[in-house]
Amino acid sequence: MKTTEKIIIIDLEATCWNGPVPQGQVNEIIEIGICVLDTFTGEISKNRGILIQPEYSTVSPFCTELTTITSDLLELEGIRFEDAIAILEEEYQAEHYTWASYGQYDLNMLKKQCHSRKIEYPMGNQHINVKERFSEVKGLRKKVGMNGALEILGIPLEGTHHRGVDDAKNIAKILHWCLVN
């Protein structure tokens, strides 16, 4: 049974390069930002960033510049992807809830990496694309990024843009606005 009074918000960060993916490497999730939105009160809880050590790629200088995530940080605090998925299953019981992300990237990337690692996909089937929802509710012809949506709503960006732990909270604020308007 799906629960809609609480929605899980996910924002992923992945290895990236300023140009094509280098030969022998792949885009890999290096952070799962997550929080839980109470759709009635707007309260955001259980916010955390789960750092993940990449197995098939390295963190490029471009990636560090964009996300502030370094190889050293991942070496020190990162866990295996499988262990991160276990957190989603055990601590968030993610399969029982509707979940949301800003755009389709996070949905596609999570499914792709679970499939390639032969790990069961941990999320529920109900997904909200907050980027689409925001454009619909606001009546925008052109979709805007998360930062643009915050600016339109007059909500200050909290934390560091392109850090999953912070972006998940910011996305939750946009989604809550969409749900009450």
C-alpha atoms as a PDB file:
ATOM      1  CA  MET A   1       0.000   0.000   0.000  1.00  0.00           C
ATOM      2  CA  LYS A   2       1.399   3.375  -1.019  1.00  0.00           C
ATOM      3  CA  THR A   3       1.515   6.197   1.497  1.00  0.00           C
ATOM      4  CA  THR A   4       1.057   9.735   0.216  1.00  0.00           C
ATOM      5  CA  GLU A   5       1.063  11.713   3.454  1.00  0.00           C
ATOM      6  CA  LYS A   6       4.813  11.220   3.360  1.00  0.00           C
ATOM      7  CA  ILE A   7       6.857  11.399   0.166  1.00  0.00           C
ATOM      8  CA  ILE A   8      10.520  10.457  -0.113  1.00  0.00           C
ATOM      9  CA  ILE A   9      12.631  12.987  -2.026  1.00  0.00           C
ATOM     10  CA  ILE A  10      15.808  11.753  -3.732  1.00  0.00           C
ATOM     11  CA  ASP A  11      18.563  13.749  -5.403  1.00  0.00           C
ATOM     12  CA  LEU A  12      21.525  11.895  -6.878  1.00  0.00           C
ATOM     13  CA  GLU A  13      24.999  13.116  -7.659  1.00  0.00           C
ATOM     14  CA  ALA A  14      27.123  11.060 -10.025  1.00  0.00           C
ATOM     15  CA  THR A  15      30.604  11.034 -11.454  1.00  0.00           C
ATOM     16  CA  CYS A  16      30.798  13.431 -14.389  1.00  0.00           C
ATOM     17  CA  TRP A  17      33.303  15.009 -16.731  1.00  0.00           C
ATOM     18  CA  ASN A  18      33.545  18.208 -18.732  1.00  0.00           C
ATOM     19  CA  GLY A  19      33.206  16.342 -22.016  1.00  0.00           C
ATOM     20  CA  PRO A  20      32.705  12.698 -22.948  1.00  0.00           C
ATOM     21  CA  VAL A  21      32.962   9.886 -20.401  1.00  0.00           C
ATOM     22  CA  PRO A  22      36.595   8.701 -20.420  1.00  0.00           C
ATOM     23  CA  GLN A  23      37.196   5.286 -21.942  1.00  0.00           C
ATOM     24  CA  GLY A  24      36.769   2.500 -19.403  1.00  0.00           C
ATOM     25  CA  GLN A  25      34.675   4.623 -17.016  1.00  0.00           C
ATOM     26  CA  VAL A  26      30.924   5.047 -16.492  1.00  0.00           C
ATOM     27  CA  ASN A  27      28.699   7.563 -14.739  1.00  0.00           C
ATOM     28  CA  GLU A  28      28.203   6.249 -11.196  1.00  0.00           C
ATOM     29  CA  ILE A  29      26.151   7.488  -8.278  1.00  0.00           C
ATOM     30  CA  ILE A  30      28.419   9.032  -5.636  1.00  0.00           C
ATOM     31  CA  GLU A  31      25.750  10.570  -3.398  1.00  0.00           C
ATOM     32  CA  ILE A  32      22.141   9.799  -2.631  1.00  0.00           C
ATOM     33  CA  GLY A  33      20.550  12.843  -1.041  1.00  0.00           C
ATOM     34  CA  ILE A  34      17.322  11.914   0.677  1.00  0.00           C
ATOM     35  CA  CYS A  35      14.649  13.381   2.906  1.00  0.00           C
ATOM     36  CA  VAL A  36      11.024  12.754   3.790  1.00  0.00           C
ATOM     37  CA  LEU A  37       8.352  15.390   3.152  1.00  0.00           C
ATOM     38  CA  ASP A  38       5.186  15.472   5.253  1.00  0.00           C
ATOM     39  CA  THR A  39       2.675  16.582   2.610  1.00  0.00           C
ATOM     40  CA  PHE A  40       0.275  18.007   5.201  1.00  0.00           C
ATOM     41  CA  THR A  41       2.656  20.111   7.319  1.00  0.00           C
ATOM     42  CA  GLY A  42       5.553  20.653   4.894  1.00  0.00           C
ATOM     43  CA  GLU A  43       7.951  19.337   7.538  1.00  0.00           C
ATOM     44  CA  ILE A  44      11.137  17.861   6.109  1.00  0.00           C
ATOM     45  CA  SER A  45      12.721  15.054   8.121  1.00  0.00           C
ATOM     46  CA  LYS A  46      15.288  12.254   7.880  1.00  0.00           C
ATOM     47  CA  ASN A  47      17.527  14.377   5.653  1.00  0.00           C
ATOM     48  CA  ARG A  48      20.897  12.891   4.873  1.00  0.00           C
ATOM     49  CA  GLY A  49      23.486  12.461   2.172  1.00  0.00           C
ATOM     50  CA  ILE A  50      24.702   8.918   1.621  1.00  0.00           C
ATOM     51  CA  LEU A  51      28.148   9.071   0.057  1.00  0.00           C
ATOM     52  CA  ILE A  52      29.100   6.161  -2.200  1.00  0.00           C
ATOM     53  CA  GLN A  53      32.520   5.032  -3.363  1.00  0.00           C
ATOM     54  CA  PRO A  54      32.590   4.652  -7.152  1.00  0.00           C
ATOM     55  CA  GLU A  55      33.814   1.292  -8.448  1.00  0.00           C
ATOM     56  CA  TYR A  56      34.137   1.941 -12.184  1.00  0.00           C
ATOM     57  CA  SER A  57      35.047   5.620 -12.386  1.00  0.00           C
ATOM     58  CA  THR A  58      37.001   8.387 -10.727  1.00  0.00           C
ATOM     59  CA  VAL A  59      35.876  11.776  -9.471  1.00  0.00           C
ATOM     60  CA  SER A  60      37.090  14.315 -12.021  1.00  0.00           C
ATOM     61  CA  PRO A  61      38.167  17.859 -11.104  1.00  0.00           C
ATOM     62  CA  PHE A  62      35.030  19.045 -12.986  1.00  0.00           C
ATOM     63  CA  CYS A  63      32.859  16.787 -10.801  1.00  0.00           C
ATOM     64  CA  THR A  64      34.488  18.102  -7.621  1.00  0.00           C
ATOM     65  CA  GLU A  65      34.040  21.691  -8.817  1.00  0.00           C
ATOM     66  CA  LEU A  66      30.348  21.035  -9.483  1.00  0.00           C
ATOM     67  CA  THR A  67      29.479  18.987  -6.384  1.00  0.00           C
ATOM     68  CA  THR A  68      32.288  19.730  -3.863  1.00  0.00           C
ATOM     69  CA  ILE A  69      32.655  15.934  -3.544  1.00  0.00           C
ATOM     70  CA  THR A  70      36.261  14.737  -3.681  1.00  0.00           C
ATOM     71  CA  SER A  71      37.828  11.295  -4.063  1.00  0.00           C
ATOM     72  CA  ASP A  72      39.308  11.718  -0.580  1.00  0.00           C
ATOM     73  CA  LEU A  73      35.871  12.421   0.921  1.00  0.00           C
ATOM     74  CA  LEU A  74      34.418   9.323  -0.739  1.00  0.00           C
ATOM     75  CA  GLU A  75      37.375   7.222   0.388  1.00  0.00           C
ATOM     76  CA  LEU A  76      36.885   8.443   3.955  1.00  0.00           C
ATOM     77  CA  GLU A  77      33.073   8.496   4.240  1.00  0.00           C
ATOM     78  CA  GLY A  78      31.737   6.615   1.216  1.00  0.00           C
ATOM     79  CA  ILE A  79      30.086   3.219   1.398  1.00  0.00           C
ATOM     80  CA  ARG A  80      29.365   0.553  -1.217  1.00  0.00           C
ATOM     81  CA  PHE A  81      26.387   1.152  -3.513  1.00  0.00           C
ATOM     82  CA  GLU A  82      24.798  -2.064  -2.221  1.00  0.00           C
ATOM     83  CA  ASP A  83      24.990  -0.753   1.347  1.00  0.00           C
ATOM     84  CA  ALA A  84      23.415   2.553   0.317  1.00  0.00           C
ATOM     85  CA  ILE A  85      20.504   0.663  -1.271  1.00  0.00           C
ATOM     86  CA  ALA A  86      20.119  -1.316   1.967  1.00  0.00           C
ATOM     87  CA  ILE A  87      19.734   1.997   3.844  1.00  0.00           C
ATOM     88  CA  LEU A  88      16.921   3.030   1.467  1.00  0.00           C
ATOM     89  CA  GLU A  89      15.215  -0.305   2.089  1.00  0.00           C
ATOM     90  CA  GLU A  90      15.738  -0.649   5.828  1.00  0.00           C
ATOM     91  CA  GLU A  91      15.767   2.900   7.216  1.00  0.00           C
ATOM     92  CA  TYR A  92      13.384   4.574   4.748  1.00  0.00           C
ATOM     93  CA  GLN A  93      11.282   1.570   3.636  1.00  0.00           C
ATOM     94  CA  ALA A  94      11.356   3.291   0.255  1.00  0.00           C
ATOM     95  CA  GLU A  95       9.303   0.666  -1.600  1.00  0.00           C
ATOM     96  CA  HIS A  96       6.235   1.609   0.483  1.00  0.00           C
ATOM     97  CA  TYR A  97       6.188   5.291  -0.428  1.00  0.00           C
ATOM     98  CA  THR A  98       5.684   7.556  -3.366  1.00  0.00           C
ATOM     99  CA  TRP A  99       8.995   9.188  -4.166  1.00  0.00           C
ATOM    100  CA  ALA A 100      10.013  12.298  -6.048  1.00  0.00           C
ATOM    101  CA  SER A 101      12.993  13.826  -7.797  1.00  0.00           C
ATOM    102  CA  TYR A 102      13.601  16.919  -9.889  1.00  0.00           C
ATOM    103  CA  GLY A 103      13.368  15.559 -13.446  1.00  0.00           C
ATOM    104  CA  GLN A 104      13.766  11.999 -14.744  1.00  0.00           C
ATOM    105  CA  TYR A 105      17.543  11.715 -14.365  1.00  0.00           C
ATOM    106  CA  ASP A 106      17.470  10.345 -10.823  1.00  0.00           C
ATOM    107  CA  LEU A 107      14.801   7.746 -11.644  1.00  0.00           C
ATOM    108  CA  ASN A 108      16.654   6.576 -14.760  1.00  0.00           C
ATOM    109  CA  MET A 109      20.106   6.598 -13.137  1.00  0.00           C
ATOM    110  CA  LEU A 110      18.969   4.662 -10.068  1.00  0.00           C
ATOM    111  CA  LYS A 111      17.223   2.023 -12.188  1.00  0.00           C
ATOM    112  CA  LYS A 112      20.207   1.754 -14.528  1.00  0.00           C
ATOM    113  CA  GLN A 113      22.772   1.330 -11.764  1.00  0.00           C
ATOM    114  CA  CYS A 114      20.628  -1.188  -9.866  1.00  0.00           C
ATOM    115  CA  HIS A 115      20.165  -3.169 -13.093  1.00  0.00           C
ATOM    116  CA  SER A 116      23.856  -3.106 -14.007  1.00  0.00           C
ATOM    117  CA  ARG A 117      24.837  -4.242 -10.488  1.00  0.00           C
ATOM    118  CA  LYS A 118      22.046  -6.843 -10.355  1.00  0.00           C
ATOM    119  CA  ILE A 119      20.559  -5.235  -7.238  1.00  0.00           C
ATOM    120  CA  GLU A 120      16.824  -5.105  -6.643  1.00  0.00           C
ATOM    121  CA  TYR A 121      15.446  -1.619  -7.301  1.00  0.00           C
ATOM    122  CA  PRO A 122      14.546  -0.231  -3.850  1.00  0.00           C
ATOM    123  CA  MET A 123      11.953   2.414  -4.683  1.00  0.00           C
ATOM    124  CA  GLY A 124       8.179   2.286  -5.005  1.00  0.00           C
ATOM    125  CA  ASN A 125       6.500   2.460  -8.415  1.00  0.00           C
ATOM    126  CA  GLN A 126       4.907   5.872  -7.796  1.00  0.00           C
ATOM    127  CA  HIS A 127       7.336   8.600  -8.869  1.00  0.00           C
ATOM    128  CA  ILE A 128       6.676  12.337  -9.031  1.00  0.00           C
ATOM    129  CA  ASN A 129       8.738  14.372 -11.475  1.00  0.00           C
ATOM    130  CA  VAL A 130       8.843  17.667  -9.544  1.00  0.00           C
ATOM    131  CA  LYS A 131      10.214  19.541 -12.561  1.00  0.00           C
ATOM    132  CA  GLU A 132       7.143  18.550 -14.609  1.00  0.00           C
ATOM    133  CA  ARG A 133       4.742  19.153 -11.720  1.00  0.00           C
ATOM    134  CA  PHE A 134       6.185  22.617 -11.025  1.00  0.00           C
ATOM    135  CA  SER A 135       5.861  23.621 -14.693  1.00  0.00           C
ATOM    136  CA  GLU A 136       2.242  22.412 -14.768  1.00  0.00           C
ATOM    137  CA  VAL A 137       1.163  24.096 -11.526  1.00  0.00           C
ATOM    138  CA  LYS A 138       2.979  27.346 -12.381  1.00  0.00           C
ATOM    139  CA  GLY A 139       1.740  27.279 -15.990  1.00  0.00           C
ATOM    140  CA  LEU A 140       5.226  27.585 -17.470  1.00  0.00           C
ATOM    141  CA  ARG A 141       5.836  26.807 -21.124  1.00  0.00           C
ATOM    142  CA  LYS A 142       9.520  26.163 -20.559  1.00  0.00           C
ATOM    143  CA  LYS A 143      10.745  23.938 -17.741  1.00  0.00           C
ATOM    144  CA  VAL A 144      13.229  25.453 -15.313  1.00  0.00           C
ATOM    145  CA  GLY A 145      15.948  23.907 -13.201  1.00  0.00           C
ATOM    146  CA  MET A 146      15.659  23.493  -9.455  1.00  0.00           C
ATOM    147  CA  ASN A 147      17.477  26.740  -8.740  1.00  0.00           C
ATOM    148  CA  GLY A 148      15.202  28.595 -11.188  1.00  0.00           C
ATOM    149  CA  ALA A 149      12.098  27.155  -9.513  1.00  0.00           C
ATOM    150  CA  LEU A 150      13.339  28.314  -6.107  1.00  0.00           C
ATOM    151  CA  GLU A 151      13.957  31.807  -7.512  1.00  0.00           C
ATOM    152  CA  ILE A 152      10.463  31.963  -9.039  1.00  0.00           C
ATOM    153  CA  LEU A 153       8.978  30.978  -5.662  1.00  0.00           C
ATOM    154  CA  GLY A 154      11.181  33.384  -3.714  1.00  0.00           C
ATOM    155  CA  ILE A 155      12.616  30.498  -1.682  1.00  0.00           C
ATOM    156  CA  PRO A 156      16.335  30.848  -0.937  1.00  0.00           C
ATOM    157  CA  LEU A 157      18.601  27.985  -1.966  1.00  0.00           C
ATOM    158  CA  GLU A 158      19.599  26.167   1.207  1.00  0.00           C
ATOM    159  CA  GLY A 159      23.051  24.625   1.371  1.00  0.00           C
ATOM    160  CA  THR A 160      25.257  23.807  -1.609  1.00  0.00           C
ATOM    161  CA  HIS A 161      23.707  23.380  -5.060  1.00  0.00           C
ATOM    162  CA  HIS A 162      24.641  19.984  -6.576  1.00  0.00           C
ATOM    163  CA  ARG A 163      25.012  18.331  -3.183  1.00  0.00           C
ATOM    164  CA  GLY A 164      22.305  15.696  -2.893  1.00  0.00           C
ATOM    165  CA  VAL A 165      21.859  16.194   0.854  1.00  0.00           C
ATOM    166  CA  ASP A 166      20.966  19.869   0.299  1.00  0.00           C
ATOM    167  CA  ASP A 167      19.183  19.602  -3.042  1.00  0.00           C
ATOM    168  CA  ALA A 168      16.795  16.963  -1.653  1.00  0.00           C
ATOM    169  CA  LYS A 169      15.558  19.522   0.926  1.00  0.00           C
ATOM    170  CA  ASN A 170      15.258  22.239  -1.702  1.00  0.00           C
ATOM    171  CA  ILE A 171      13.266  19.921  -3.981  1.00  0.00           C
ATOM    172  CA  ALA A 172      10.999  19.005  -1.047  1.00  0.00           C
ATOM    173  CA  LYS A 173      10.185  22.717  -0.582  1.00  0.00           C
ATOM    174  CA  ILE A 174       9.266  23.058  -4.274  1.00  0.00           C
ATOM    175  CA  LEU A 175       7.128  19.919  -4.183  1.00  0.00           C
ATOM    176  CA  HIS A 176       5.308  21.073  -1.051  1.00  0.00           C
ATOM    177  CA  TRP A 177       4.511  24.388  -2.768  1.00  0.00           C
ATOM    178  CA  CYS A 178       3.137  22.425  -5.748  1.00  0.00           C
ATOM    179  CA  LEU A 179       0.955  20.272  -3.500  1.00  0.00           C
ATOM    180  CA  VAL A 180      -0.639  23.183  -1.621  1.00  0.00           C
ATOM    181  CA  ASN A 181      -1.189  25.403  -4.680  1.00  0.00           C
END
